[in-house]
């Protein structure tokens, strides 16, 4: 039985955050690790293997000009028609992020879940207007002074929702008010991996969408394994 549940925010510009939820006698410890490369994450995973939810497209549609898949187009239509639509980026525009995710998908032998944390949180927080409002602003640019307070307030709302004071979850190596958008995305991914392993009925599955072939650097066709799923917590 799995006791480690991973979430990884495969960011661009060398910025990658890994979240690990470890189950110990019914309690869940949450720790975070900023890492330089996906290879470093893989080394960490080998020491503490378990299901992994990855914040990155794990395939792309080679018949589409921008690589967008059926499921990407589906969620673009489902999101409110304002700045929410920009949450669904094409693999082409994300550049190195899909390559990092796909590299991990090839290496990891446990269950792999493709996750879009921001959309996933939007779906999971269906009846929470404060969550949906916070999701609009928690990723604003930090280099603009006018955004700082909005970002802090939004991250606080989301962190309190994902990791409430009560319950069996405990942050180990970070304080809740230090959780920025990258950490929150990684945490949501880890919670998704945990939920998939323990309470799959609490997930909305999207297996009806196919994962098209994608080409690796060696130009060999890479078919994601059958254990890759895209899903969100209800």
C-alpha atoms as a PDB file:
ATOM      1  CA  UNK A   1       0.000   0.000   0.000  1.00  0.00           C
ATOM      2  CA  UNK A   2       1.340   3.453  -0.932  1.00  0.00           C
ATOM      3  CA  UNK A   3       2.385   5.787   1.875  1.00  0.00           C
ATOM      4  CA  UNK A   4       3.991   8.514  -0.274  1.00  0.00           C
ATOM      5  CA  UNK A   5       1.991  10.787  -2.559  1.00  0.00           C
ATOM      6  CA  UNK A   6       3.744  13.299  -4.779  1.00  0.00           C
ATOM      7  CA  UNK A   7       2.739  16.487  -6.541  1.00  0.00           C
ATOM      8  CA  UNK A   8       5.078  18.433  -8.762  1.00  0.00           C
ATOM      9  CA  UNK A   9       4.703  21.858 -10.316  1.00  0.00           C
ATOM     10  CA  UNK A  10       6.963  21.596 -13.352  1.00  0.00           C
ATOM     11  CA  UNK A  11       7.587  25.299 -13.846  1.00  0.00           C
ATOM     12  CA  UNK A  12       9.572  27.056 -16.511  1.00  0.00           C
ATOM     13  CA  UNK A  13      12.715  29.117 -15.960  1.00  0.00           C
ATOM     14  CA  UNK A  14      14.241  26.405 -13.763  1.00  0.00           C
ATOM     15  CA  UNK A  15      11.515  26.774 -11.118  1.00  0.00           C
ATOM     16  CA  UNK A  16      10.154  23.421  -9.944  1.00  0.00           C
ATOM     17  CA  UNK A  17       8.373  22.680  -6.644  1.00  0.00           C
ATOM     18  CA  UNK A  18       7.710  19.193  -5.324  1.00  0.00           C
ATOM     19  CA  UNK A  19       5.171  18.437  -2.592  1.00  0.00           C
ATOM     20  CA  UNK A  20       5.216  15.159  -0.686  1.00  0.00           C
ATOM     21  CA  UNK A  21       2.381  13.843   1.478  1.00  0.00           C
ATOM     22  CA  UNK A  22       3.526  11.003   3.717  1.00  0.00           C
ATOM     23  CA  UNK A  23       1.000   8.868   5.570  1.00  0.00           C
ATOM     24  CA  UNK A  24       2.003   7.825   9.082  1.00  0.00           C
ATOM     25  CA  UNK A  25      -0.531   6.000  11.245  1.00  0.00           C
ATOM     26  CA  UNK A  26      -3.491   7.828   9.797  1.00  0.00           C
ATOM     27  CA  UNK A  27      -1.783  11.220   9.901  1.00  0.00           C
ATOM     28  CA  UNK A  28      -0.494  13.023   6.814  1.00  0.00           C
ATOM     29  CA  UNK A  29       2.713  15.046   6.838  1.00  0.00           C
ATOM     30  CA  UNK A  30       3.165  17.599   4.043  1.00  0.00           C
ATOM     31  CA  UNK A  31       6.637  18.723   3.027  1.00  0.00           C
ATOM     32  CA  UNK A  32       7.948  20.753   0.112  1.00  0.00           C
ATOM     33  CA  UNK A  33      11.185  20.787  -1.810  1.00  0.00           C
ATOM     34  CA  UNK A  34      12.264  23.361  -4.413  1.00  0.00           C
ATOM     35  CA  UNK A  35      14.394  21.522  -6.960  1.00  0.00           C
ATOM     36  CA  UNK A  36      16.583  22.594  -9.847  1.00  0.00           C
ATOM     37  CA  UNK A  37      15.802  19.865 -12.361  1.00  0.00           C
ATOM     38  CA  UNK A  38      13.305  17.082 -12.991  1.00  0.00           C
ATOM     39  CA  UNK A  39      16.238  14.673 -12.729  1.00  0.00           C
ATOM     40  CA  UNK A  40      16.644  15.773  -9.107  1.00  0.00           C
ATOM     41  CA  UNK A  41      12.978  15.045  -8.492  1.00  0.00           C
ATOM     42  CA  UNK A  42      13.317  11.590 -10.009  1.00  0.00           C
ATOM     43  CA  UNK A  43      16.214  10.849  -7.614  1.00  0.00           C
ATOM     44  CA  UNK A  44      14.004  11.932  -4.698  1.00  0.00           C
ATOM     45  CA  UNK A  45      11.141   9.806  -5.988  1.00  0.00           C
ATOM     46  CA  UNK A  46      13.338   6.698  -6.202  1.00  0.00           C
ATOM     47  CA  UNK A  47      13.990   6.990  -2.461  1.00  0.00           C
ATOM     48  CA  UNK A  48      10.296   7.484  -1.610  1.00  0.00           C
ATOM     49  CA  UNK A  49       8.258   6.134  -4.506  1.00  0.00           C
ATOM     50  CA  UNK A  50       4.510   6.526  -4.840  1.00  0.00           C
ATOM     51  CA  UNK A  51       1.794   7.960  -7.114  1.00  0.00           C
ATOM     52  CA  UNK A  52       2.685  11.273  -8.771  1.00  0.00           C
ATOM     53  CA  UNK A  53       0.412  14.034 -10.060  1.00  0.00           C
ATOM     54  CA  UNK A  54       2.253  16.259 -12.530  1.00  0.00           C
ATOM     55  CA  UNK A  55       1.323  19.835 -13.384  1.00  0.00           C
ATOM     56  CA  UNK A  56       2.233  19.623 -17.071  1.00  0.00           C
ATOM     57  CA  UNK A  57       0.698  18.354 -20.305  1.00  0.00           C
ATOM     58  CA  UNK A  58       1.922  14.784 -20.759  1.00  0.00           C
ATOM     59  CA  UNK A  59       1.065  14.571 -24.436  1.00  0.00           C
ATOM     60  CA  UNK A  60       0.112  16.787 -27.324  1.00  0.00           C
ATOM     61  CA  UNK A  61      -1.880  16.482 -30.515  1.00  0.00           C
ATOM     62  CA  UNK A  62       0.543  16.350 -33.432  1.00  0.00           C
ATOM     63  CA  UNK A  63      -2.335  17.064 -35.822  1.00  0.00           C
ATOM     64  CA  UNK A  64      -3.038  20.416 -34.146  1.00  0.00           C
ATOM     65  CA  UNK A  65      -1.009  23.545 -35.079  1.00  0.00           C
ATOM     66  CA  UNK A  66      -0.469  24.448 -31.404  1.00  0.00           C
ATOM     67  CA  UNK A  67      -0.555  20.914 -29.989  1.00  0.00           C
ATOM     68  CA  UNK A  68      -3.819  21.424 -28.105  1.00  0.00           C
ATOM     69  CA  UNK A  69      -5.732  18.243 -27.360  1.00  0.00           C
ATOM     70  CA  UNK A  70      -9.443  17.568 -27.171  1.00  0.00           C
ATOM     71  CA  UNK A  71      -9.389  17.874 -23.389  1.00  0.00           C
ATOM     72  CA  UNK A  72      -7.583  21.224 -23.559  1.00  0.00           C
ATOM     73  CA  UNK A  73     -10.213  22.596 -25.902  1.00  0.00           C
ATOM     74  CA  UNK A  74     -12.922  21.114 -23.666  1.00  0.00           C
ATOM     75  CA  UNK A  75     -11.709  23.036 -20.611  1.00  0.00           C
ATOM     76  CA  UNK A  76     -11.236  26.251 -22.535  1.00  0.00           C
ATOM     77  CA  UNK A  77     -14.940  26.094 -23.360  1.00  0.00           C
ATOM     78  CA  UNK A  78     -15.909  25.154 -19.792  1.00  0.00           C
ATOM     79  CA  UNK A  79     -14.101  28.055 -18.135  1.00  0.00           C
ATOM     80  CA  UNK A  80     -15.911  31.404 -17.875  1.00  0.00           C
ATOM     81  CA  UNK A  81     -15.220  33.532 -20.940  1.00  0.00           C
ATOM     82  CA  UNK A  82     -12.909  36.086 -19.389  1.00  0.00           C
ATOM     83  CA  UNK A  83      -9.309  35.883 -18.216  1.00  0.00           C
ATOM     84  CA  UNK A  84     -10.027  32.337 -17.016  1.00  0.00           C
ATOM     85  CA  UNK A  85      -9.621  31.164 -20.586  1.00  0.00           C
ATOM     86  CA  UNK A  86      -5.917  31.971 -20.474  1.00  0.00           C
ATOM     87  CA  UNK A  87      -5.456  29.293 -17.843  1.00  0.00           C
ATOM     88  CA  UNK A  88      -5.472  26.608 -20.536  1.00  0.00           C
ATOM     89  CA  UNK A  89      -2.246  27.061 -22.452  1.00  0.00           C
ATOM     90  CA  UNK A  90      -1.209  25.039 -25.462  1.00  0.00           C
ATOM     91  CA  UNK A  91       1.803  22.692 -25.210  1.00  0.00           C
ATOM     92  CA  UNK A  92       3.410  24.882 -27.879  1.00  0.00           C
ATOM     93  CA  UNK A  93       3.205  28.035 -25.749  1.00  0.00           C
ATOM     94  CA  UNK A  94       4.384  26.214 -22.608  1.00  0.00           C
ATOM     95  CA  UNK A  95       7.625  25.261 -24.375  1.00  0.00           C
ATOM     96  CA  UNK A  96       9.873  23.307 -21.972  1.00  0.00           C
ATOM     97  CA  UNK A  97       7.167  22.439 -19.404  1.00  0.00           C
ATOM     98  CA  UNK A  98       5.627  19.542 -21.393  1.00  0.00           C
ATOM     99  CA  UNK A  99       9.110  18.166 -22.137  1.00  0.00           C
ATOM    100  CA  UNK A 100       9.924  18.060 -18.421  1.00  0.00           C
ATOM    101  CA  UNK A 101       6.610  16.381 -17.601  1.00  0.00           C
ATOM    102  CA  UNK A 102       6.971  13.821 -20.368  1.00  0.00           C
ATOM    103  CA  UNK A 103      10.519  12.997 -19.264  1.00  0.00           C
ATOM    104  CA  UNK A 104       9.178  12.216 -15.787  1.00  0.00           C
ATOM    105  CA  UNK A 105       6.271  10.211 -17.204  1.00  0.00           C
ATOM    106  CA  UNK A 106       8.788   7.984 -18.962  1.00  0.00           C
ATOM    107  CA  UNK A 107      10.889   7.445 -15.839  1.00  0.00           C
ATOM    108  CA  UNK A 108       8.293   6.973 -13.099  1.00  0.00           C
ATOM    109  CA  UNK A 109       6.875   3.470 -12.770  1.00  0.00           C
ATOM    110  CA  UNK A 110       4.064   4.248 -10.320  1.00  0.00           C
ATOM    111  CA  UNK A 111       0.680   5.789 -11.142  1.00  0.00           C
ATOM    112  CA  UNK A 112       1.003   9.064 -13.040  1.00  0.00           C
ATOM    113  CA  UNK A 113      -1.751  11.680 -13.083  1.00  0.00           C
ATOM    114  CA  UNK A 114      -1.805  14.711 -15.328  1.00  0.00           C
ATOM    115  CA  UNK A 115      -3.196  17.658 -13.419  1.00  0.00           C
ATOM    116  CA  UNK A 116      -4.031  21.287 -14.135  1.00  0.00           C
ATOM    117  CA  UNK A 117      -4.121  22.617 -10.546  1.00  0.00           C
ATOM    118  CA  UNK A 118      -5.776  25.939 -11.252  1.00  0.00           C
ATOM    119  CA  UNK A 119      -8.620  24.417 -13.238  1.00  0.00           C
ATOM    120  CA  UNK A 120      -8.748  21.514 -10.778  1.00  0.00           C
ATOM    121  CA  UNK A 121      -9.189  23.880  -7.848  1.00  0.00           C
ATOM    122  CA  UNK A 122     -11.848  25.763  -9.777  1.00  0.00           C
ATOM    123  CA  UNK A 123     -13.781  22.499 -10.279  1.00  0.00           C
ATOM    124  CA  UNK A 124     -13.187  21.301  -6.701  1.00  0.00           C
ATOM    125  CA  UNK A 125     -14.295  24.624  -5.211  1.00  0.00           C
ATOM    126  CA  UNK A 126     -17.578  24.504  -7.079  1.00  0.00           C
ATOM    127  CA  UNK A 127     -19.652  26.136  -4.334  1.00  0.00           C
ATOM    128  CA  UNK A 128     -16.971  28.441  -2.931  1.00  0.00           C
ATOM    129  CA  UNK A 129     -17.125  31.914  -4.462  1.00  0.00           C
ATOM    130  CA  UNK A 130     -14.148  33.027  -2.362  1.00  0.00           C
ATOM    131  CA  UNK A 131     -12.015  30.228  -3.817  1.00  0.00           C
ATOM    132  CA  UNK A 132     -12.957  31.076  -7.374  1.00  0.00           C
ATOM    133  CA  UNK A 133     -12.215  34.744  -6.730  1.00  0.00           C
ATOM    134  CA  UNK A 134      -8.846  33.891  -5.186  1.00  0.00           C
ATOM    135  CA  UNK A 135      -7.931  31.749  -8.182  1.00  0.00           C
ATOM    136  CA  UNK A 136      -8.231  34.835 -10.387  1.00  0.00           C
ATOM    137  CA  UNK A 137      -5.502  36.699  -8.502  1.00  0.00           C
ATOM    138  CA  UNK A 138      -3.129  34.233  -6.787  1.00  0.00           C
ATOM    139  CA  UNK A 139      -0.917  34.122  -9.889  1.00  0.00           C
ATOM    140  CA  UNK A 140      -0.696  37.855 -10.544  1.00  0.00           C
ATOM    141  CA  UNK A 141       2.774  39.190 -11.291  1.00  0.00           C
ATOM    142  CA  UNK A 142       4.698  39.765  -8.064  1.00  0.00           C
ATOM    143  CA  UNK A 143       6.879  42.486  -9.572  1.00  0.00           C
ATOM    144  CA  UNK A 144       3.949  44.884  -9.516  1.00  0.00           C
ATOM    145  CA  UNK A 145       3.547  46.523  -6.117  1.00  0.00           C
ATOM    146  CA  UNK A 146      -0.210  46.897  -6.527  1.00  0.00           C
ATOM    147  CA  UNK A 147      -0.567  43.120  -6.774  1.00  0.00           C
ATOM    148  CA  UNK A 148       1.283  42.093  -3.600  1.00  0.00           C
ATOM    149  CA  UNK A 149      -1.638  42.373  -1.161  1.00  0.00           C
ATOM    150  CA  UNK A 150      -4.038  40.711  -3.600  1.00  0.00           C
ATOM    151  CA  UNK A 151      -1.652  37.791  -4.051  1.00  0.00           C
ATOM    152  CA  UNK A 152      -1.105  37.338  -0.309  1.00  0.00           C
ATOM    153  CA  UNK A 153      -4.844  37.423   0.410  1.00  0.00           C
ATOM    154  CA  UNK A 154      -5.628  34.956  -2.376  1.00  0.00           C
ATOM    155  CA  UNK A 155      -2.877  32.520  -1.377  1.00  0.00           C
ATOM    156  CA  UNK A 156      -4.069  32.653   2.245  1.00  0.00           C
ATOM    157  CA  UNK A 157      -7.642  31.759   1.221  1.00  0.00           C
ATOM    158  CA  UNK A 158      -6.490  28.857  -0.950  1.00  0.00           C
ATOM    159  CA  UNK A 159      -3.998  27.513   1.611  1.00  0.00           C
ATOM    160  CA  UNK A 160      -6.629  27.556   4.372  1.00  0.00           C
ATOM    161  CA  UNK A 161      -8.928  25.608   2.061  1.00  0.00           C
ATOM    162  CA  UNK A 162      -6.376  23.011   0.950  1.00  0.00           C
ATOM    163  CA  UNK A 163      -4.747  22.594   4.356  1.00  0.00           C
ATOM    164  CA  UNK A 164      -7.131  23.581   7.184  1.00  0.00           C
ATOM    165  CA  UNK A 165      -5.903  23.822  10.781  1.00  0.00           C
ATOM    166  CA  UNK A 166      -8.139  20.980  11.834  1.00  0.00           C
ATOM    167  CA  UNK A 167      -7.822  17.464  10.479  1.00  0.00           C
ATOM    168  CA  UNK A 168      -5.011  14.995   9.975  1.00  0.00           C
ATOM    169  CA  UNK A 169      -2.724  17.113   7.782  1.00  0.00           C
ATOM    170  CA  UNK A 170       0.386  18.826   9.104  1.00  0.00           C
ATOM    171  CA  UNK A 171       2.872  21.093   7.330  1.00  0.00           C
ATOM    172  CA  UNK A 172       6.421  20.016   8.170  1.00  0.00           C
ATOM    173  CA  UNK A 173       9.019  22.345   6.676  1.00  0.00           C
ATOM    174  CA  UNK A 174       7.086  25.486   5.804  1.00  0.00           C
ATOM    175  CA  UNK A 175       4.540  27.846   7.347  1.00  0.00           C
ATOM    176  CA  UNK A 176       1.137  28.241   5.777  1.00  0.00           C
ATOM    177  CA  UNK A 177       1.647  31.948   5.086  1.00  0.00           C
ATOM    178  CA  UNK A 178       4.733  31.054   3.008  1.00  0.00           C
ATOM    179  CA  UNK A 179       2.747  29.036   0.476  1.00  0.00           C
ATOM    180  CA  UNK A 180       2.933  30.895  -2.824  1.00  0.00           C
ATOM    181  CA  UNK A 181       1.130  29.876  -6.013  1.00  0.00           C
ATOM    182  CA  UNK A 182       3.826  27.352  -7.015  1.00  0.00           C
ATOM    183  CA  UNK A 183       3.613  25.599  -3.637  1.00  0.00           C
ATOM    184  CA  UNK A 184      -0.186  25.591  -3.714  1.00  0.00           C
ATOM    185  CA  UNK A 185      -0.193  24.054  -7.199  1.00  0.00           C
ATOM    186  CA  UNK A 186       2.208  21.320  -6.075  1.00  0.00           C
ATOM    187  CA  UNK A 187       0.117  20.711  -2.939  1.00  0.00           C
ATOM    188  CA  UNK A 188      -3.082  20.330  -4.942  1.00  0.00           C
ATOM    189  CA  UNK A 189      -1.302  17.813  -7.172  1.00  0.00           C
ATOM    190  CA  UNK A 190      -0.154  15.808  -4.142  1.00  0.00           C
ATOM    191  CA  UNK A 191      -3.678  15.857  -2.676  1.00  0.00           C
ATOM    192  CA  UNK A 192      -4.927  14.581  -6.016  1.00  0.00           C
ATOM    193  CA  UNK A 193      -2.459  11.685  -5.945  1.00  0.00           C
ATOM    194  CA  UNK A 194      -3.551  10.872  -2.388  1.00  0.00           C
ATOM    195  CA  UNK A 195      -7.239  11.001  -3.293  1.00  0.00           C
ATOM    196  CA  UNK A 196      -6.714   8.821  -6.350  1.00  0.00           C
ATOM    197  CA  UNK A 197      -5.013   6.161  -4.222  1.00  0.00           C
ATOM    198  CA  UNK A 198      -7.478   6.188  -1.323  1.00  0.00           C
ATOM    199  CA  UNK A 199     -10.827   7.581  -2.497  1.00  0.00           C
ATOM    200  CA  UNK A 200     -11.061   7.372  -6.295  1.00  0.00           C
ATOM    201  CA  UNK A 201     -14.851   7.821  -6.135  1.00  0.00           C
ATOM    202  CA  UNK A 202     -14.167  11.428  -5.063  1.00  0.00           C
ATOM    203  CA  UNK A 203     -12.594  12.160  -8.421  1.00  0.00           C
ATOM    204  CA  UNK A 204     -14.065  13.281 -11.689  1.00  0.00           C
ATOM    205  CA  UNK A 205     -12.391  11.167 -14.366  1.00  0.00           C
ATOM    206  CA  UNK A 206     -11.938  12.270 -17.934  1.00  0.00           C
ATOM    207  CA  UNK A 207     -10.873   8.986 -19.526  1.00  0.00           C
ATOM    208  CA  UNK A 208     -13.198   9.579 -22.469  1.00  0.00           C
ATOM    209  CA  UNK A 209     -10.534  11.921 -23.821  1.00  0.00           C
ATOM    210  CA  UNK A 210      -7.721  10.187 -25.643  1.00  0.00           C
ATOM    211  CA  UNK A 211      -4.060  11.065 -25.198  1.00  0.00           C
ATOM    212  CA  UNK A 212      -2.718  11.407 -28.757  1.00  0.00           C
ATOM    213  CA  UNK A 213       0.720  10.218 -29.804  1.00  0.00           C
ATOM    214  CA  UNK A 214       3.537  12.622 -29.184  1.00  0.00           C
ATOM    215  CA  UNK A 215       7.036  12.692 -30.587  1.00  0.00           C
ATOM    216  CA  UNK A 216      10.034  12.495 -28.290  1.00  0.00           C
ATOM    217  CA  UNK A 217      13.392  14.137 -28.946  1.00  0.00           C
ATOM    218  CA  UNK A 218      14.521  10.971 -30.688  1.00  0.00           C
ATOM    219  CA  UNK A 219      11.458  11.239 -32.953  1.00  0.00           C
ATOM    220  CA  UNK A 220      10.171   7.923 -31.674  1.00  0.00           C
ATOM    221  CA  UNK A 221       6.457   7.738 -30.959  1.00  0.00           C
ATOM    222  CA  UNK A 222       5.765   7.899 -27.221  1.00  0.00           C
ATOM    223  CA  UNK A 223       2.412   6.600 -26.053  1.00  0.00           C
ATOM    224  CA  UNK A 224       1.643   7.551 -22.440  1.00  0.00           C
ATOM    225  CA  UNK A 225       0.990   4.433 -20.412  1.00  0.00           C
ATOM    226  CA  UNK A 226      -2.531   3.405 -19.465  1.00  0.00           C
ATOM    227  CA  UNK A 227      -2.043   4.561 -15.872  1.00  0.00           C
ATOM    228  CA  UNK A 228      -1.946   8.222 -16.894  1.00  0.00           C
ATOM    229  CA  UNK A 229      -5.213   9.974 -16.156  1.00  0.00           C
ATOM    230  CA  UNK A 230      -6.410  13.567 -16.136  1.00  0.00           C
ATOM    231  CA  UNK A 231      -8.778  14.212 -13.274  1.00  0.00           C
ATOM    232  CA  UNK A 232      -9.872  16.659 -10.631  1.00  0.00           C
ATOM    233  CA  UNK A 233     -11.086  16.383  -7.065  1.00  0.00           C
ATOM    234  CA  UNK A 234     -14.837  16.908  -6.765  1.00  0.00           C
END
